[in-house]
Amino acid sequence: MTKLTQIIRTIIRAGTQNADEINKHAIIAVNRFSLVSLLLTAGFGIFFYALTGEWVILAAGLTEAVLLAGVLWLNSRRRHLAASYTYICIINASLVYFSAAFGAIVEVHLAFLLLLGASLLFFRQDKHRGISIGITALTLIICKYNYSYPLIAPILQTSSEQLMLQWVARPGIILLDSLVLWYYKKTNEALYNSLMKRSQELEAANAYKNFFIRVTNHELKGPLNAIHEISQTLLLHDEVEENPTLKPLAEDLYTASSSAMLEVTNVLDMSRIEAGKLHEVDNAPFNIRQYITNLCKVHQYSASRKQVQVITEFQEQLPPVIIGDKAKLTKILGNLLINAIKFTAAKSRVTVKAGIKDKQLYLAVKDQGKGIQPERLRTIFDPFETEQNSLLEGSGLGLFITRHFVALLGGQIAVQSTPGEGTVFTILLPLVTGQKASPAKPDAIAPVNYQDKQVLICEDDQISQLYLAKFLERSGCTTLLADNGAMGISMALQDMPDLVIIDSHMPVMSGKATITHIRQHPRLQHLPVIVISGDAYPGESEELLAAGANEYLVKPVSFKTLNDVIGKYLTSPEYEWQR
């Protein structure tokens, strides 16, 4: 039995050597159908000859069996297309012969289903499938015509003999039809399993990619944040402010670090968009004129390098206060401003307009650059597209992310450009006016004096640690420096600081573990804790705030923002205690 099984397996797999997976399935299907048809035809001829004594039936059955063996031979010779067509032609010819000779038309309908399914299984190209189905349809027409208007006198004259033929032939045809259905079921299951495996592989690859992006993002944000802190520290020095040589260098350093941080954040946002996790909208009232004015002042640093002016234009109808997601609007206008400054002509202008159009908030950013060619406008919002298609022009993610945020806020973005005259990006957003906005905060860092305050800095990045300390010491704070959470807890127990600034990722003891320990320790549990993290993934801020952090800031940290947050805790009576 084992040897017979091996022989059958060899016959079925004949000609599959060196064939790809798709063609291999088709070859095996032809071989399997040929072998089953061969056995059924030979058995049918012998069985019916024994019942009727008609040698014509035996001869026809054995002839068809020999021809079907030829199909197996063609496949073994790797003439797969010829083998497929030969099988289709043999079965169609046998239907014409037997329906004419025996007058049994009913089985042709069952055989038609067999041949229709076989045509789809055997051939991969629509052209060959169409030819095969056409041959089968022609066979059906011929059989029906001969049954209605006999051209050939049937061998079996009596209805009892014809009925016997039908009952003998029907199981064989049904078996072959079942084989077609089984093959389709098997093929669909194989495809489903293959798709599931591929889906799992893609999910794993995507998870690894996101993990890599997250780790790389964190590793890059460390040194970039340090550079950003250095540039801010330099700009705060009176000597740099008054020095015509050092001030432009400090401003260039600040601009370059801001641009680099934006590109890193764009890559992170891209992965979050792909994962479907960047969909939260946080609306709040704010003064739109003051907000846009402050944003333009921030970007004036980089514009000054090209002697470019960033100016604002506000319509009178623009309400003083709107309700919207300021963080996402900052991303939108920030990306557009960076592009406009990058591609505008030297000694030109970048104009930011805001107003009302069609009862919606209208925003526009216009540059005076060389413009964008019409064919490029169709793909300008696609990911990894840049104006010069060069890696030197950035990641090409800014406009893709901008469009995503605009859509998230329920708006539309469009671009118009005339070569040689510049480009303008226009945005329409739903307008919701507010009654009052949060008080506008001054751009400059207000002078404060924390002469009697002590701040513990837990940060494993030595440069960030150093420049955070320099900034705090300018306000009169005394600083304690710890390289990890365990060291920080030991120093806190010894010196009882007024505030703790902690990184989320540190050796020995992580930020979360350190915060948990502080909140569980009876002497430290009331310490205000500010987390400064290089991660911006959804979930981490909630996790650390749930662990007991009072604030969560994302690198790069603006010294102004840090100054405001620190002041909230160092000047509040709620956080006063005896050391």
Protein backbone atom coordinates (compact mmCIF):
# COMPACT_ATOMS: atom_id res chain seq x y z
CA MET A 1 0.00 0.00 0.00
CA THR A 2 2.85 2.31 0.80
CA LYS A 3 4.48 1.58 -2.54
CA LEU A 4 1.19 2.24 -4.39
CA THR A 5 0.81 5.54 -2.55
CA GLN A 6 4.35 6.49 -3.52
CA ILE A 7 3.63 5.69 -7.19
CA ILE A 8 0.45 7.81 -7.16
CA ARG A 9 2.32 10.67 -5.49
CA THR A 10 5.06 10.49 -8.12
CA ILE A 11 2.50 10.58 -10.95
CA ILE A 12 0.63 13.51 -9.41
CA ARG A 13 3.83 15.56 -8.90
CA ALA A 14 5.26 14.78 -12.37
CA GLY A 15 6.68 17.92 -13.99
CA THR A 16 6.65 20.10 -10.85
CA GLN A 17 10.43 20.24 -10.54
CA ASN A 18 11.79 23.82 -10.55
CA ALA A 19 8.24 25.23 -10.92
CA ASP A 20 7.20 28.17 -8.75
CA GLU A 21 4.54 27.67 -6.10
CA ILE A 22 1.61 28.98 -8.19
CA ASN A 23 2.45 26.93 -11.30
CA LYS A 24 3.16 23.88 -9.16
CA HIS A 25 -0.42 23.93 -7.86
CA ALA A 26 -1.77 24.12 -11.43
CA ILE A 27 0.44 21.23 -12.64
CA ILE A 28 -0.59 19.02 -9.73
CA ALA A 29 -4.25 19.85 -10.41
CA VAL A 30 -3.93 18.78 -14.09
CA ASN A 31 -2.16 15.56 -13.09
CA ARG A 32 -4.69 14.74 -10.38
CA PHE A 33 -7.69 15.37 -12.62
CA SER A 34 -6.08 13.38 -15.46
CA LEU A 35 -5.35 10.40 -13.22
CA VAL A 36 -8.85 10.35 -11.69
CA SER A 37 -10.48 10.80 -15.12
CA LEU A 38 -8.29 8.03 -16.57
CA LEU A 39 -9.32 5.56 -13.88
CA LEU A 40 -13.00 6.51 -14.10
CA THR A 41 -13.09 6.31 -17.91
CA ALA A 42 -11.32 2.96 -18.09
CA GLY A 43 -13.54 1.57 -15.32
CA PHE A 44 -16.65 2.97 -16.99
CA GLY A 45 -15.76 1.34 -20.34
CA ILE A 46 -15.05 -2.06 -18.79
CA PHE A 47 -18.12 -1.98 -16.53
CA PHE A 48 -20.56 -0.92 -19.21
CA TYR A 49 -19.13 -3.39 -21.73
CA ALA A 50 -19.74 -6.16 -19.20
CA LEU A 51 -23.37 -5.06 -18.86
CA THR A 52 -24.22 -4.45 -22.53
CA GLY A 53 -21.63 -6.32 -24.54
CA GLU A 54 -21.10 -3.16 -26.66
CA TRP A 55 -17.42 -3.26 -27.66
CA VAL A 56 -17.66 0.37 -28.94
CA ILE A 57 -18.10 1.57 -25.37
CA LEU A 58 -15.03 -0.38 -24.24
CA ALA A 59 -12.97 0.96 -27.13
CA ALA A 60 -14.06 4.56 -26.43
CA GLY A 61 -13.33 4.29 -22.73
CA LEU A 62 -9.89 2.74 -23.20
CA THR A 63 -8.99 5.24 -25.95
CA GLU A 64 -9.86 8.15 -23.68
CA ALA A 65 -7.83 6.59 -20.86
CA VAL A 66 -4.77 6.32 -23.14
CA LEU A 67 -5.16 9.94 -24.23
CA LEU A 68 -5.40 11.05 -20.59
CA ALA A 69 -2.20 9.15 -19.88
CA GLY A 70 -0.70 11.33 -22.61
CA VAL A 71 -1.60 14.40 -20.54
CA LEU A 72 0.49 13.02 -17.68
CA TRP A 73 3.34 12.41 -20.11
CA LEU A 74 3.15 16.00 -21.43
CA ASN A 75 3.37 17.37 -17.91
CA SER A 76 6.33 15.11 -17.11
CA ARG A 77 8.03 16.64 -20.17
CA ARG A 78 7.23 20.10 -18.72
CA ARG A 79 4.89 20.99 -21.53
CA HIS A 80 2.38 22.27 -19.05
CA LEU A 81 0.26 24.52 -21.26
CA ALA A 82 -0.11 21.74 -23.86
CA ALA A 83 -1.06 19.28 -21.10
CA SER A 84 -3.77 21.60 -19.77
CA TYR A 85 -5.30 22.20 -23.20
CA THR A 86 -5.09 18.48 -24.03
CA TYR A 87 -7.07 17.55 -20.92
CA ILE A 88 -9.76 20.15 -21.68
CA CYS A 89 -10.02 19.00 -25.32
CA ILE A 90 -10.17 15.28 -24.39
CA ILE A 91 -13.01 15.77 -21.89
CA ASN A 92 -14.93 18.03 -24.28
CA ALA A 93 -14.46 15.55 -27.17
CA SER A 94 -15.63 12.65 -24.99
CA LEU A 95 -18.75 14.60 -24.01
CA VAL A 96 -19.60 15.21 -27.64
CA TYR A 97 -19.00 11.55 -28.52
CA PHE A 98 -20.85 9.96 -25.59
CA SER A 99 -23.78 12.38 -25.70
CA ALA A 100 -24.17 11.69 -29.45
CA ALA A 101 -23.57 7.95 -29.23
CA PHE A 102 -25.63 7.33 -26.11
CA GLY A 103 -28.17 10.18 -26.20
CA ALA A 104 -27.66 11.05 -22.53
CA ILE A 105 -27.67 14.85 -22.35
CA VAL A 106 -28.24 15.38 -18.65
CA GLU A 107 -24.66 14.56 -17.63
CA VAL A 108 -23.27 17.26 -19.93
CA HIS A 109 -24.50 19.94 -17.51
CA LEU A 110 -22.57 18.35 -14.65
CA ALA A 111 -19.50 17.99 -16.87
CA PHE A 112 -19.78 21.65 -17.85
CA LEU A 113 -19.33 22.62 -14.18
CA LEU A 114 -16.27 20.36 -14.04
CA LEU A 115 -14.71 21.95 -17.11
CA LEU A 116 -15.52 25.49 -16.00
CA GLY A 117 -13.78 24.90 -12.67
CA ALA A 118 -10.88 23.10 -14.34
CA SER A 119 -10.35 26.04 -16.73
CA LEU A 120 -9.93 28.39 -13.79
CA LEU A 121 -7.65 25.97 -11.94
CA PHE A 122 -5.38 24.96 -14.82
CA PHE A 123 -4.73 28.34 -16.42
CA ARG A 124 -3.38 31.51 -14.82
CA GLN A 125 -3.81 33.89 -17.73
CA ASP A 126 -7.26 35.21 -18.57
CA LYS A 127 -6.61 34.63 -22.27
CA HIS A 128 -6.19 30.87 -21.83
CA ARG A 129 -9.07 30.70 -19.37
CA GLY A 130 -11.33 32.40 -21.90
CA ILE A 131 -10.31 30.00 -24.68
CA SER A 132 -10.91 26.96 -22.48
CA ILE A 133 -14.31 28.18 -21.32
CA GLY A 134 -15.19 28.97 -24.92
CA ILE A 135 -14.36 25.40 -26.00
CA THR A 136 -16.56 24.09 -23.18
CA ALA A 137 -19.46 26.39 -24.10
CA LEU A 138 -19.23 25.24 -27.73
CA THR A 139 -19.33 21.62 -26.56
CA LEU A 140 -22.48 22.28 -24.57
CA ILE A 141 -24.16 23.88 -27.60
CA ILE A 142 -23.21 20.93 -29.88
CA CYS A 143 -24.48 18.38 -27.36
CA LYS A 144 -27.78 20.18 -26.88
CA TYR A 145 -28.28 20.54 -30.62
CA ASN A 146 -27.53 16.86 -31.28
CA TYR A 147 -29.90 15.85 -28.49
CA SER A 148 -32.74 17.92 -30.01
CA TYR A 149 -31.89 17.21 -33.66
CA PRO A 150 -29.89 13.95 -33.74
CA LEU A 151 -27.17 13.96 -36.38
CA ILE A 152 -25.78 10.64 -35.16
CA ALA A 153 -28.05 7.71 -34.35
CA PRO A 154 -27.44 6.71 -30.70
CA ILE A 155 -25.97 3.27 -30.00
CA LEU A 156 -28.29 2.79 -27.04
CA GLN A 157 -31.84 2.78 -28.38
CA THR A 158 -33.90 1.93 -25.33
CA SER A 159 -34.64 4.33 -22.51
CA SER A 160 -33.65 1.70 -19.95
CA GLU A 161 -30.14 1.44 -21.45
CA GLN A 162 -29.80 5.23 -21.53
CA LEU A 163 -31.00 5.44 -17.92
CA MET A 164 -28.45 2.81 -16.92
CA LEU A 165 -25.72 4.86 -18.65
CA GLN A 166 -26.75 7.96 -16.76
CA TRP A 167 -26.68 6.21 -13.38
CA VAL A 168 -23.30 4.70 -14.12
CA ALA A 169 -21.75 7.92 -15.48
CA ARG A 170 -23.31 10.33 -12.98
CA PRO A 171 -21.24 9.27 -9.91
CA GLY A 172 -18.03 9.73 -11.89
CA ILE A 173 -18.99 13.23 -13.04
CA ILE A 174 -20.13 14.16 -9.52
CA LEU A 175 -16.82 12.85 -8.17
CA LEU A 176 -14.89 15.09 -10.56
CA ASP A 177 -17.12 18.07 -9.70
CA SER A 178 -16.46 17.37 -6.02
CA LEU A 179 -12.77 17.27 -6.79
CA VAL A 180 -13.05 20.75 -8.31
CA LEU A 181 -14.82 22.06 -5.22
CA TRP A 182 -12.29 20.37 -2.94
CA TYR A 183 -9.47 21.95 -4.90
CA TYR A 184 -11.00 25.38 -4.58
CA LYS A 185 -11.47 24.86 -0.85
CA LYS A 186 -7.89 23.68 -0.48
CA THR A 187 -6.58 26.59 -2.57
CA ASN A 188 -8.58 29.15 -0.59
CA GLU A 189 -7.37 27.69 2.70
CA ALA A 190 -3.79 27.74 1.44
CA LEU A 191 -4.18 31.36 0.33
CA TYR A 192 -5.82 32.29 3.64
CA ASN A 193 -3.03 30.64 5.63
CA SER A 194 -0.44 32.31 3.43
CA LEU A 195 -2.11 35.69 3.91
CA MET A 196 -2.35 35.16 7.66
CA LYS A 197 1.34 34.22 7.81
CA ARG A 198 2.26 37.22 5.70
CA SER A 199 0.07 39.45 7.84
CA GLN A 200 1.78 38.20 10.99
CA GLU A 201 5.19 38.76 9.39
CA LEU A 202 4.19 42.30 8.40
CA GLU A 203 2.80 43.00 11.87
CA ALA A 204 6.04 41.74 13.41
CA ALA A 205 8.10 43.80 10.97
CA ASN A 206 5.98 46.86 11.71
CA ALA A 207 6.38 46.30 15.44
CA TYR A 208 10.16 46.02 15.04
CA LYS A 209 10.15 49.14 12.85
CA ASN A 210 8.14 51.12 15.40
CA PHE A 211 10.40 49.87 18.20
CA PHE A 212 13.45 50.91 16.17
CA ILE A 213 11.92 54.33 15.47
CA ARG A 214 11.05 54.78 19.12
CA VAL A 215 14.52 53.81 20.36
CA THR A 216 16.26 55.84 17.66
CA ASN A 217 13.99 58.78 18.35
CA HIS A 218 14.88 58.67 22.02
CA GLU A 219 18.60 58.29 21.32
CA LEU A 220 18.59 61.19 18.86
CA LYS A 221 16.51 63.45 21.06
CA GLY A 222 19.06 63.19 23.86
CA PRO A 223 21.97 64.88 22.06
CA LEU A 224 19.65 67.11 20.00
CA ASN A 225 17.97 68.30 23.17
CA ALA A 226 21.39 69.05 24.63
CA ILE A 227 22.27 71.13 21.55
CA HIS A 228 18.93 72.89 21.85
CA GLU A 229 19.60 73.65 25.50
CA ILE A 230 23.09 74.95 24.68
CA SER A 231 21.66 77.28 22.02
CA GLN A 232 19.01 78.60 24.44
CA THR A 233 21.62 79.09 27.15
CA LEU A 234 23.81 81.06 24.75
CA LEU A 235 20.88 83.26 23.70
CA LEU A 236 20.17 84.05 27.36
CA HIS A 237 23.70 85.37 27.96
CA ASP A 238 24.06 89.14 27.87
CA GLU A 239 27.53 88.80 26.36
CA VAL A 240 26.14 86.85 23.39
CA GLU A 241 23.23 89.27 22.97
CA GLU A 242 25.59 92.21 22.70
CA ASN A 243 28.22 90.46 20.56
CA PRO A 244 27.53 90.93 16.80
CA THR A 245 29.65 87.87 15.98
CA LEU A 246 28.35 85.39 18.55
CA LYS A 247 24.63 86.21 18.37
CA PRO A 248 24.14 85.04 14.73
CA LEU A 249 26.02 81.83 15.55
CA ALA A 250 23.81 81.18 18.58
CA GLU A 251 20.69 81.88 16.52
CA ASP A 252 21.90 79.53 13.77
CA LEU A 253 22.55 76.84 16.35
CA TYR A 254 19.06 77.33 17.79
CA THR A 255 17.50 77.18 14.31
CA ALA A 256 19.44 74.08 13.26
CA SER A 257 18.58 72.21 16.46
CA SER A 258 14.89 73.17 16.12
CA SER A 259 14.82 71.94 12.51
CA ALA A 260 16.54 68.68 13.42
CA MET A 261 14.11 68.09 16.27
CA LEU A 262 11.17 68.74 13.94
CA GLU A 263 12.45 66.14 11.44
CA VAL A 264 12.86 63.57 14.22
CA THR A 265 9.36 64.32 15.47
CA ASN A 266 7.97 64.06 11.93
CA VAL A 267 9.38 60.54 11.58
CA LEU A 268 7.82 59.63 14.92
CA ASP A 269 4.48 61.13 13.88
CA MET A 270 4.64 59.20 10.61
CA SER A 271 4.90 55.87 12.46
CA ARG A 272 2.04 56.88 14.76
CA ILE A 273 -0.14 57.79 11.77
CA GLU A 274 0.59 54.41 10.16
CA ALA A 275 -0.37 52.69 13.41
CA GLY A 276 -3.62 54.68 13.56
CA LYS A 277 -2.70 56.17 16.94
CA LEU A 278 -2.50 59.85 16.05
CA HIS A 279 -6.17 60.75 16.17
CA GLU A 280 -6.72 62.61 19.43
CA VAL A 281 -7.99 66.21 19.23
CA ASP A 282 -7.59 68.49 22.26
CA ASN A 283 -9.59 71.69 21.79
CA ALA A 284 -9.18 74.74 24.00
CA PRO A 285 -9.73 78.51 23.61
CA PHE A 286 -6.76 80.69 22.65
CA ASN A 287 -6.02 84.09 21.16
CA ILE A 288 -5.42 83.34 17.47
CA ARG A 289 -3.66 86.62 16.66
CA GLN A 290 -1.27 86.38 19.60
CA TYR A 291 -0.66 82.70 18.87
CA ILE A 292 0.28 83.26 15.20
CA THR A 293 2.40 86.30 16.09
CA ASN A 294 4.38 84.31 18.67
CA LEU A 295 4.80 81.38 16.28
CA CYS A 296 6.17 83.67 13.57
CA LYS A 297 8.63 85.17 16.06
CA VAL A 298 9.97 81.70 16.84
CA HIS A 299 10.56 80.98 13.14
CA GLN A 300 12.07 84.42 12.53
CA TYR A 301 15.35 83.01 13.92
CA SER A 302 15.82 80.70 10.94
CA ALA A 303 14.40 83.28 8.52
CA SER A 304 17.01 85.81 9.58
CA ARG A 305 19.77 83.58 8.22
CA LYS A 306 18.44 84.35 4.70
CA GLN A 307 17.50 87.92 5.58
CA VAL A 308 13.86 86.88 5.19
CA GLN A 309 11.05 88.66 7.00
CA VAL A 310 8.17 86.64 8.45
CA ILE A 311 5.14 88.92 8.57
CA THR A 312 1.52 88.46 9.57
CA GLU A 313 -1.71 89.78 8.06
CA PHE A 314 -5.02 89.50 9.95
CA GLN A 315 -8.50 90.26 8.61
CA GLU A 316 -10.66 92.52 10.75
CA GLN A 317 -13.38 89.84 10.83
CA LEU A 318 -11.02 87.38 12.55
CA PRO A 319 -12.37 86.81 16.08
CA PRO A 320 -9.91 87.40 18.90
CA VAL A 321 -10.49 83.98 20.44
CA ILE A 322 -11.09 80.63 18.75
CA ILE A 323 -11.40 77.10 20.07
CA GLY A 324 -9.04 74.56 18.53
CA ASP A 325 -6.16 72.15 19.01
CA LYS A 326 -3.22 74.51 19.41
CA ALA A 327 -0.64 71.71 19.44
CA LYS A 328 -1.75 70.32 16.09
CA LEU A 329 -2.16 73.79 14.63
CA THR A 330 1.44 74.44 15.66
CA LYS A 331 2.51 71.33 13.75
CA ILE A 332 0.56 72.46 10.69
CA LEU A 333 1.78 76.05 10.57
CA GLY A 334 5.26 75.08 11.77
CA ASN A 335 5.80 72.66 8.89
CA LEU A 336 4.46 75.17 6.38
CA LEU A 337 6.64 77.98 7.77
CA ILE A 338 9.77 75.83 7.70
CA ASN A 339 9.12 74.91 4.07
CA ALA A 340 8.34 78.50 3.13
CA ILE A 341 11.50 79.84 4.75
CA LYS A 342 13.56 77.05 3.20
CA PHE A 343 12.39 77.64 -0.36
CA THR A 344 11.74 81.39 -0.46
CA ALA A 345 14.25 83.68 -2.11
CA ALA A 346 16.90 85.41 -0.01
CA LYS A 347 15.97 88.90 1.23
CA SER A 348 12.27 88.20 0.57
CA ARG A 349 9.14 87.76 2.66
CA VAL A 350 7.11 84.89 4.05
CA THR A 351 3.57 85.99 4.81
CA VAL A 352 1.15 84.28 7.19
CA LYS A 353 -2.46 85.33 6.71
CA ALA A 354 -5.44 84.57 8.93
CA GLY A 355 -9.08 85.46 8.46
CA ILE A 356 -12.57 84.21 7.72
CA LYS A 357 -13.63 82.62 4.43
CA ASP A 358 -16.95 80.88 3.81
CA LYS A 359 -17.60 80.98 7.58
CA GLN A 360 -14.43 78.97 8.17
CA LEU A 361 -11.04 79.82 9.62
CA TYR A 362 -8.77 80.73 6.71
CA LEU A 363 -4.98 80.38 7.06
CA ALA A 364 -2.38 80.90 4.35
CA VAL A 365 1.42 80.72 4.21
CA LYS A 366 2.98 82.38 1.17
CA ASP A 367 6.61 82.49 0.08
CA GLN A 368 8.42 84.31 -2.72
CA GLY A 369 10.48 81.42 -4.02
CA LYS A 370 10.91 79.87 -7.44
CA GLY A 371 7.59 78.02 -7.17
CA ILE A 372 6.72 74.39 -7.82
CA GLN A 373 6.32 72.79 -11.21
CA PRO A 374 2.70 71.76 -12.04
CA GLU A 375 3.54 68.03 -12.29
CA ARG A 376 5.01 68.12 -8.78
CA LEU A 377 1.88 69.60 -7.24
CA ARG A 378 0.04 66.28 -7.66
CA THR A 379 2.43 64.47 -5.30
CA ILE A 380 3.48 67.30 -3.00
CA PHE A 381 1.54 65.84 -0.03
CA ASP A 382 2.79 62.28 -0.54
CA PRO A 383 5.23 60.91 2.07
CA PHE A 384 8.96 61.13 1.29
CA GLU A 385 8.37 63.76 -1.41
CA THR A 386 10.56 66.87 -1.30
CA GLU A 387 10.84 69.84 -3.61
CA GLN A 388 14.17 68.71 -5.05
CA ASN A 389 13.65 65.01 -4.29
CA SER A 390 16.86 65.08 -2.33
CA LEU A 391 17.68 63.83 1.13
CA LEU A 392 19.42 67.16 1.64
CA GLU A 393 15.98 68.79 1.65
CA GLY A 394 14.69 66.84 4.66
CA SER A 395 12.69 63.68 5.19
CA GLY A 396 9.78 64.75 2.98
CA LEU A 397 7.28 63.92 5.73
CA GLY A 398 6.29 67.46 6.76
CA LEU A 399 3.52 68.07 4.21
CA PHE A 400 2.18 64.51 4.54
CA ILE A 401 1.83 64.98 8.29
CA THR A 402 0.43 68.49 7.79
CA ARG A 403 -2.35 67.15 5.54
CA HIS A 404 -3.11 64.41 8.09
CA PHE A 405 -3.48 66.94 10.91
CA VAL A 406 -5.63 69.25 8.77
CA ALA A 407 -7.94 66.34 7.94
CA LEU A 408 -7.98 65.31 11.61
CA LEU A 409 -9.20 68.79 12.51
CA GLY A 410 -11.94 68.53 9.87
CA GLY A 411 -10.36 70.93 7.41
CA GLN A 412 -8.88 71.09 3.93
CA ILE A 413 -5.48 72.12 2.61
CA ALA A 414 -4.60 73.27 -0.91
CA VAL A 415 -1.52 74.56 -2.68
CA GLN A 416 -1.14 77.02 -5.54
CA SER A 417 2.15 77.80 -7.17
CA THR A 418 3.35 79.81 -10.14
CA PRO A 419 6.92 79.05 -11.25
CA GLY A 420 9.05 82.08 -10.53
CA GLU A 421 6.44 83.80 -8.35
CA GLY A 422 6.24 81.67 -5.23
CA THR A 423 3.90 79.23 -3.54
CA VAL A 424 0.95 79.64 -1.21
CA PHE A 425 -0.56 76.94 1.00
CA THR A 426 -4.13 77.65 2.12
CA ILE A 427 -6.03 75.94 4.91
CA LEU A 428 -9.73 76.02 5.76
CA LEU A 429 -10.72 74.79 9.23
CA PRO A 430 -14.07 74.69 11.05
CA LEU A 431 -14.41 77.94 13.00
CA VAL A 432 -15.54 77.82 16.61
CA THR A 433 -15.23 81.08 18.50
CA GLY A 434 -14.49 81.26 22.21
CA GLN A 435 -15.40 83.70 24.96
CA LYS A 436 -12.03 83.91 26.62
CA ALA A 437 -8.55 82.59 26.12
CA SER A 438 -5.76 81.65 28.42
CA PRO A 439 -3.67 84.70 29.30
CA ALA A 440 -0.99 85.32 26.70
CA LYS A 441 2.45 84.56 28.03
CA PRO A 442 5.36 86.85 27.19
CA ASP A 443 8.02 85.59 24.83
CA ALA A 444 10.87 86.47 27.13
CA ILE A 445 11.61 84.47 30.25
CA ALA A 446 10.51 86.57 33.17
CA PRO A 447 13.28 87.15 35.73
CA VAL A 448 12.69 85.17 38.92
CA ASN A 449 14.68 84.50 42.06
CA TYR A 450 14.61 81.06 43.65
CA GLN A 451 17.53 81.81 45.96
CA ASP A 452 16.39 79.44 48.70
CA LYS A 453 15.18 76.62 46.43
CA GLN A 454 16.94 73.36 45.66
CA VAL A 455 16.21 71.24 42.58
CA LEU A 456 17.28 67.63 42.07
CA ILE A 457 18.05 66.72 38.43
CA CYS A 458 18.00 62.97 37.63
CA GLU A 459 19.38 62.74 34.09
CA ASP A 460 21.85 60.24 32.64
CA ASP A 461 22.77 62.52 29.71
CA GLN A 462 25.64 64.59 31.09
CA ILE A 463 25.21 67.49 28.65
CA SER A 464 21.48 67.86 29.31
CA GLN A 465 22.20 67.59 33.02
CA LEU A 466 24.82 70.36 32.80
CA TYR A 467 22.73 72.86 30.83
CA LEU A 468 19.58 72.25 32.83
CA ALA A 469 21.64 73.05 35.91
CA LYS A 470 23.04 76.20 34.28
CA PHE A 471 19.54 77.41 33.44
CA LEU A 472 18.23 76.75 36.95
CA GLU A 473 21.25 78.35 38.58
CA ARG A 474 20.56 81.55 36.63
CA SER A 475 17.35 81.78 38.66
CA GLY A 476 19.22 81.31 41.92
CA CYS A 477 18.39 77.62 42.40
CA THR A 478 20.81 75.22 44.00
CA THR A 479 21.01 72.03 41.95
CA LEU A 480 21.70 68.43 42.86
CA LEU A 481 22.85 66.19 40.00
CA ALA A 482 22.16 62.44 39.83
CA ASP A 483 22.96 60.07 36.97
CA ASN A 484 20.15 57.64 37.76
CA GLY A 485 17.03 57.19 39.85
CA ALA A 486 18.67 55.23 42.67
CA MET A 487 21.30 57.93 43.15
CA GLY A 488 18.60 60.58 42.99
CA ILE A 489 16.53 58.95 45.76
CA SER A 490 19.61 58.70 47.97
CA MET A 491 20.40 62.40 47.41
CA ALA A 492 16.76 63.40 47.96
CA LEU A 493 16.66 61.62 51.33
CA GLN A 494 19.86 63.34 52.35
CA ASP A 495 19.17 66.92 51.15
CA MET A 496 15.34 67.11 50.77
CA PRO A 497 15.06 69.19 47.57
CA ASP A 498 12.06 71.36 46.70
CA LEU A 499 11.57 69.87 43.25
CA VAL A 500 12.69 66.85 41.21
CA ILE A 501 13.31 66.93 37.44
CA ILE A 502 13.66 63.40 36.10
CA ASP A 503 14.33 61.70 32.78
CA SER A 504 12.02 58.81 31.86
CA HIS A 505 14.82 56.48 30.71
CA MET A 506 17.77 55.97 33.03
CA PRO A 507 20.03 53.08 34.01
CA VAL A 508 19.81 51.32 37.40
CA MET A 509 16.33 52.67 38.13
CA SER A 510 13.95 53.95 35.46
CA GLY A 511 11.95 57.15 35.70
CA LYS A 512 8.74 55.28 36.45
CA ALA A 513 10.36 53.16 39.16
CA THR A 514 11.91 56.28 40.71
CA ILE A 515 8.59 58.14 40.74
CA THR A 516 6.83 55.12 42.27
CA HIS A 517 9.47 54.91 45.00
CA ILE A 518 9.16 58.64 45.73
CA ARG A 519 5.36 58.44 46.02
CA GLN A 520 5.59 55.45 48.37
CA HIS A 521 8.25 56.92 50.66
CA PRO A 522 6.76 58.82 53.62
CA ARG A 523 9.46 61.53 53.54
CA LEU A 524 9.47 62.06 49.78
CA GLN A 525 5.88 61.44 48.73
CA HIS A 526 4.95 65.14 48.53
CA LEU A 527 7.87 66.11 46.30
CA PRO A 528 6.71 67.65 43.00
CA VAL A 529 8.17 65.65 40.10
CA ILE A 530 8.59 66.96 36.54
CA VAL A 531 9.37 64.37 33.85
CA ILE A 532 11.40 65.40 30.81
CA SER A 533 11.28 62.61 28.23
CA GLY A 534 12.61 62.00 24.75
CA ASP A 535 9.59 59.79 24.01
CA ALA A 536 6.37 61.16 22.60
CA TYR A 537 4.42 57.94 22.19
CA PRO A 538 0.82 57.82 23.40
CA GLY A 539 0.67 55.98 26.67
CA GLU A 540 4.00 56.91 28.19
CA SER A 541 2.86 60.29 29.52
CA GLU A 542 -0.32 58.73 30.95
CA GLU A 543 1.73 55.92 32.50
CA LEU A 544 4.19 58.26 34.20
CA LEU A 545 1.50 60.70 35.34
CA ALA A 546 -0.44 57.75 36.75
CA ALA A 547 2.72 56.66 38.58
CA GLY A 548 2.76 60.04 40.33
CA ALA A 549 4.53 62.60 38.12
CA ASN A 550 3.13 66.13 38.35
CA GLU A 551 4.15 67.24 34.85
CA TYR A 552 5.33 65.58 31.65
CA LEU A 553 7.45 67.56 29.17
CA VAL A 554 8.78 66.29 25.84
CA LYS A 555 12.27 67.06 24.59
CA PRO A 556 13.36 69.46 23.23
CA VAL A 557 12.26 71.50 26.22
CA SER A 558 11.79 75.22 25.80
CA PHE A 559 13.40 77.01 28.72
CA LYS A 560 10.40 79.33 28.81
CA THR A 561 8.01 76.39 29.19
CA LEU A 562 10.26 74.82 31.82
CA ASN A 563 10.48 78.13 33.66
CA ASP A 564 6.67 78.42 33.75
CA VAL A 565 6.25 74.84 35.00
CA ILE A 566 8.94 75.16 37.66
CA GLY A 567 7.44 78.43 38.88
CA LYS A 568 4.07 76.74 39.37
CA TYR A 569 5.59 74.44 42.02
CA LEU A 570 8.41 76.47 43.53
CA THR A 571 6.12 79.43 44.28
CA SER A 572 3.03 77.50 45.39
CA PRO A 573 2.32 77.21 49.16
CA GLU A 574 0.93 73.75 48.53
CA TYR A 575 4.45 72.42 47.92
CA GLU A 576 6.19 74.16 50.80
CA TRP A 577 7.59 71.93 53.54
CA GLN A 578 10.41 71.95 56.01
CA ARG A 579 13.63 70.33 54.96
